[in-house]
Protein backbone atom coordinates (compact mmCIF):
# COMPACT_ATOMS: atom_id res chain seq x y z
CA MET A 1 39.82 14.21 45.80
CA SER A 2 40.26 10.56 46.12
CA LEU A 3 40.78 8.18 43.25
CA HIS A 4 37.68 6.28 44.32
CA PHE A 5 35.52 9.38 43.99
CA LEU A 6 36.97 10.26 40.57
CA THR A 7 36.37 6.73 39.32
CA LEU A 8 32.78 6.91 40.54
CA VAL A 9 32.23 10.25 38.79
CA TRP A 10 33.82 8.93 35.60
CA ASN A 11 31.63 5.83 35.58
CA LEU A 12 28.53 7.88 36.34
CA THR A 13 29.38 10.20 33.45
CA ARG A 14 29.73 7.23 31.12
CA VAL A 15 26.38 5.80 32.27
CA VAL A 16 24.60 9.12 31.75
CA ALA A 17 26.21 9.55 28.32
CA PHE A 18 25.19 6.00 27.37
CA TRP A 19 21.63 6.64 28.57
CA PHE A 20 21.33 9.83 26.50
CA ARG A 21 22.80 8.13 23.43
CA THR A 22 20.42 5.20 23.62
CA LYS A 23 17.48 7.52 24.32
CA ALA A 24 18.40 9.52 21.23
CA LEU A 25 18.68 6.33 19.17
CA ARG A 26 15.32 5.08 20.44
CA GLY A 27 13.78 8.41 19.52
CA LYS A 28 15.46 8.28 16.13
CA LYS A 29 14.22 4.74 15.50
CA MET A 30 10.70 5.71 16.48
CA THR A 31 10.90 8.75 14.22
CA GLU A 32 12.22 6.58 11.37
CA GLN A 33 9.42 4.07 11.89
CA MET A 34 6.81 6.82 11.96
CA THR A 35 8.33 8.41 8.88
CA ARG A 36 8.40 5.03 7.11
CA LYS A 37 4.74 4.49 7.98
CA LYS A 38 3.87 7.96 6.68
CA ILE A 39 5.81 7.31 3.47
CA ASN A 40 4.16 3.91 3.01
CA SER A 41 0.79 5.51 3.67
CA ARG A 42 1.48 8.25 1.13
CA ILE A 43 2.65 5.69 -1.43
CA ALA A 44 -0.51 3.61 -0.89
CA GLU A 45 -2.66 6.72 -1.26
CA GLU A 46 -0.86 7.66 -4.47
CA ILE A 47 -1.31 4.15 -5.90
CA ASP A 48 -4.97 4.20 -4.89
CA ARG A 49 -5.51 7.60 -6.51
CA ASN A 50 -3.77 6.50 -9.74
CA LEU A 51 -5.74 3.26 -9.94
CA ARG A 52 -9.02 5.10 -9.42
CA GLN A 53 -8.09 7.62 -12.11
CA ALA A 54 -7.15 4.86 -14.55
CA PHE A 55 -10.40 2.98 -13.82
CA ASP A 56 -12.49 6.14 -14.20
CA ASP A 57 -10.79 6.94 -17.50
CA MET A 58 -11.38 3.39 -18.72
CA ALA A 59 -15.02 3.36 -17.58
CA GLU A 60 -15.75 6.57 -19.50
CA GLN A 61 -14.56 5.10 -22.81
CA PRO A 62 -17.23 3.62 -25.09
CA VAL A 63 -17.49 -0.15 -25.50
CA PRO A 64 -15.59 -1.20 -28.65
CA ASP A 65 -17.72 -2.24 -31.64
CA ARG A 66 -16.23 -5.73 -31.74
CA PHE A 67 -17.59 -6.41 -28.22
CA THR A 68 -21.06 -5.13 -29.06
CA ASP A 69 -20.97 -7.29 -32.23
CA LEU A 70 -19.99 -10.35 -30.16
CA LEU A 71 -22.80 -9.67 -27.69
CA ALA A 72 -25.28 -9.39 -30.55
CA GLN A 73 -24.04 -12.71 -31.98
CA LEU A 74 -24.43 -14.40 -28.58
CA LYS A 75 -27.97 -13.07 -28.15
CA SER A 76 -28.83 -14.23 -31.65
CA ALA A 77 -27.40 -17.69 -31.00
CA GLU A 78 -29.32 -17.96 -27.71
CA SER A 79 -32.61 -16.93 -29.29
CA THR A 80 -32.03 -19.41 -32.13
CA ARG A 81 -31.35 -22.24 -29.66
CA LYS A 82 -34.42 -21.39 -27.60
CA GLY A 83 -36.64 -20.86 -30.63
CA GLY A 84 -35.55 -24.03 -32.41
CA GLY A 85 -35.85 -26.17 -29.29
CA GLU A 86 -33.01 -27.71 -27.41
CA LYS A 87 -32.66 -31.40 -28.09
CA ASP A 88 -29.26 -31.92 -26.46
CA ALA A 89 -30.39 -31.15 -22.94
């Protein structure tokens, strides 16, 4: 075998090895990106689920007495202003 032929085979081997390595890396990067998207999607779903649960729990609780008292005071003040006539308007 000639030296020229061996050099050609050696270079071809290096090119093929490089091609397979880069193909594997591209596949790995794509897999990592897909995995990252899946993880981000799962995290977003978990946050969404937790926020909904917290909101549902909060919505089921009764309104505190101090808020109902404040609302009653506001309604009373409004009816007094309307009943007594508004002179500042």
